[in-house]
């Protein structure tokens, strides 16, 4: 544990940011997985889930959780499955 006040604060801030980023990334993965499962099962709400997955991928890319090209790749692969 650091002794310097600013370093202590950085540890706290980094921990908080890491928790938020982990939660957001997990939520993104969940929406993508739901969309993939809906498309595979030919569910009637597959289109809505695809839109939600696209939105979460775009949001993650804009926040820097994933690279913009990774988001585009994932969206493309989802569209190909649909």
C-alpha atoms as a PDB file:
ATOM      1  CA  UNK A   1       0.000   0.000   0.000  1.00  0.00           C
ATOM      2  CA  UNK A   2       1.420   3.412  -0.910  1.00  0.00           C
ATOM      3  CA  UNK A   3       2.330   5.980   1.727  1.00  0.00           C
ATOM      4  CA  UNK A   4       1.979   9.136  -0.360  1.00  0.00           C
ATOM      5  CA  UNK A   5      -1.443  10.748  -0.240  1.00  0.00           C
ATOM      6  CA  UNK A   6      -1.790  11.162  -4.019  1.00  0.00           C
ATOM      7  CA  UNK A   7      -0.729   7.561  -4.608  1.00  0.00           C
ATOM      8  CA  UNK A   8      -3.323   6.356  -2.086  1.00  0.00           C
ATOM      9  CA  UNK A   9      -5.972   8.324  -3.960  1.00  0.00           C
ATOM     10  CA  UNK A  10      -4.847   6.861  -7.312  1.00  0.00           C
ATOM     11  CA  UNK A  11      -5.248   3.344  -5.896  1.00  0.00           C
ATOM     12  CA  UNK A  12      -8.805   4.139  -4.784  1.00  0.00           C
ATOM     13  CA  UNK A  13      -9.742   5.849  -8.064  1.00  0.00           C
ATOM     14  CA  UNK A  14      -8.256   3.030 -10.128  1.00  0.00           C
ATOM     15  CA  UNK A  15     -10.144   0.415  -8.112  1.00  0.00           C
ATOM     16  CA  UNK A  16     -13.425   2.278  -8.616  1.00  0.00           C
ATOM     17  CA  UNK A  17     -12.812   2.689 -12.358  1.00  0.00           C
ATOM     18  CA  UNK A  18     -11.824  -0.962 -12.688  1.00  0.00           C
ATOM     19  CA  UNK A  19     -15.052  -2.068 -11.008  1.00  0.00           C
ATOM     20  CA  UNK A  20     -17.146   0.144 -13.308  1.00  0.00           C
ATOM     21  CA  UNK A  21     -15.303  -1.036 -16.416  1.00  0.00           C
ATOM     22  CA  UNK A  22     -15.616  -4.687 -15.429  1.00  0.00           C
ATOM     23  CA  UNK A  23     -19.347  -4.313 -14.866  1.00  0.00           C
ATOM     24  CA  UNK A  24     -19.867  -2.527 -18.193  1.00  0.00           C
ATOM     25  CA  UNK A  25     -17.787  -5.069 -20.131  1.00  0.00           C
ATOM     26  CA  UNK A  26     -19.650  -7.951 -18.508  1.00  0.00           C
ATOM     27  CA  UNK A  27     -23.005  -6.372 -19.395  1.00  0.00           C
ATOM     28  CA  UNK A  28     -21.830  -5.946 -22.987  1.00  0.00           C
ATOM     29  CA  UNK A  29     -20.803  -9.604 -23.206  1.00  0.00           C
ATOM     30  CA  UNK A  30     -24.179 -10.652 -21.768  1.00  0.00           C
ATOM     31  CA  UNK A  31     -26.178  -8.681 -24.350  1.00  0.00           C
ATOM     32  CA  UNK A  32     -24.059 -10.080 -27.188  1.00  0.00           C
ATOM     33  CA  UNK A  33     -24.494 -13.629 -25.886  1.00  0.00           C
ATOM     34  CA  UNK A  34     -28.278 -13.162 -25.562  1.00  0.00           C
ATOM     35  CA  UNK A  35     -28.449 -11.902 -29.147  1.00  0.00           C
ATOM     36  CA  UNK A  36     -26.376 -14.838 -30.437  1.00  0.00           C
ATOM     37  CA  UNK A  37     -28.601 -17.328 -28.615  1.00  0.00           C
ATOM     38  CA  UNK A  38     -31.773 -15.664 -29.900  1.00  0.00           C
ATOM     39  CA  UNK A  39     -30.515 -15.721 -33.489  1.00  0.00           C
ATOM     40  CA  UNK A  40     -29.513 -19.379 -33.174  1.00  0.00           C
ATOM     41  CA  UNK A  41     -32.950 -20.278 -31.777  1.00  0.00           C
ATOM     42  CA  UNK A  42     -34.811 -18.148 -34.370  1.00  0.00           C
ATOM     43  CA  UNK A  43     -36.554 -16.289 -31.541  1.00  0.00           C
ATOM     44  CA  UNK A  44     -39.122 -13.642 -32.439  1.00  0.00           C
ATOM     45  CA  UNK A  45     -37.324 -10.978 -30.371  1.00  0.00           C
ATOM     46  CA  UNK A  46     -33.971 -11.667 -32.053  1.00  0.00           C
ATOM     47  CA  UNK A  47     -34.017  -8.357 -33.943  1.00  0.00           C
ATOM     48  CA  UNK A  48     -34.557  -6.369 -30.723  1.00  0.00           C
ATOM     49  CA  UNK A  49     -31.752  -8.244 -29.001  1.00  0.00           C
ATOM     50  CA  UNK A  50     -29.465  -7.621 -31.979  1.00  0.00           C
ATOM     51  CA  UNK A  51     -30.147  -3.888 -31.742  1.00  0.00           C
ATOM     52  CA  UNK A  52     -29.389  -3.981 -28.013  1.00  0.00           C
ATOM     53  CA  UNK A  53     -26.143  -5.842 -28.707  1.00  0.00           C
ATOM     54  CA  UNK A  54     -25.124  -3.291 -31.358  1.00  0.00           C
ATOM     55  CA  UNK A  55     -25.859  -0.479 -28.938  1.00  0.00           C
ATOM     56  CA  UNK A  56     -23.842  -2.026 -26.124  1.00  0.00           C
ATOM     57  CA  UNK A  57     -20.907  -2.715 -28.462  1.00  0.00           C
ATOM     58  CA  UNK A  58     -20.945   0.872 -29.713  1.00  0.00           C
ATOM     59  CA  UNK A  59     -21.137   2.184 -26.166  1.00  0.00           C
ATOM     60  CA  UNK A  60     -18.235   0.003 -25.035  1.00  0.00           C
ATOM     61  CA  UNK A  61     -16.152   1.173 -27.985  1.00  0.00           C
ATOM     62  CA  UNK A  62     -16.926   4.833 -27.312  1.00  0.00           C
ATOM     63  CA  UNK A  63     -15.896   4.458 -23.670  1.00  0.00           C
ATOM     64  CA  UNK A  64     -12.677   2.681 -24.617  1.00  0.00           C
ATOM     65  CA  UNK A  65     -13.579  -0.663 -23.076  1.00  0.00           C
ATOM     66  CA  UNK A  66     -12.954  -2.363 -26.409  1.00  0.00           C
ATOM     67  CA  UNK A  67     -11.279  -1.130 -29.588  1.00  0.00           C
ATOM     68  CA  UNK A  68     -13.590   0.356 -32.223  1.00  0.00           C
ATOM     69  CA  UNK A  69     -12.442  -2.220 -34.785  1.00  0.00           C
ATOM     70  CA  UNK A  70     -13.194  -5.030 -32.327  1.00  0.00           C
ATOM     71  CA  UNK A  71     -16.709  -3.643 -31.910  1.00  0.00           C
ATOM     72  CA  UNK A  72     -17.148  -3.417 -35.684  1.00  0.00           C
ATOM     73  CA  UNK A  73     -15.889  -6.988 -36.087  1.00  0.00           C
ATOM     74  CA  UNK A  74     -18.274  -8.318 -33.450  1.00  0.00           C
ATOM     75  CA  UNK A  75     -21.213  -6.430 -34.995  1.00  0.00           C
ATOM     76  CA  UNK A  76     -20.342  -7.784 -38.426  1.00  0.00           C
ATOM     77  CA  UNK A  77     -20.183 -11.354 -37.165  1.00  0.00           C
ATOM     78  CA  UNK A  78     -23.511 -10.939 -35.393  1.00  0.00           C
ATOM     79  CA  UNK A  79     -25.107  -9.573 -38.568  1.00  0.00           C
ATOM     80  CA  UNK A  80     -23.717 -12.483 -40.573  1.00  0.00           C
ATOM     81  CA  UNK A  81     -25.309 -14.963 -38.167  1.00  0.00           C
ATOM     82  CA  UNK A  82     -28.695 -13.216 -38.344  1.00  0.00           C
END
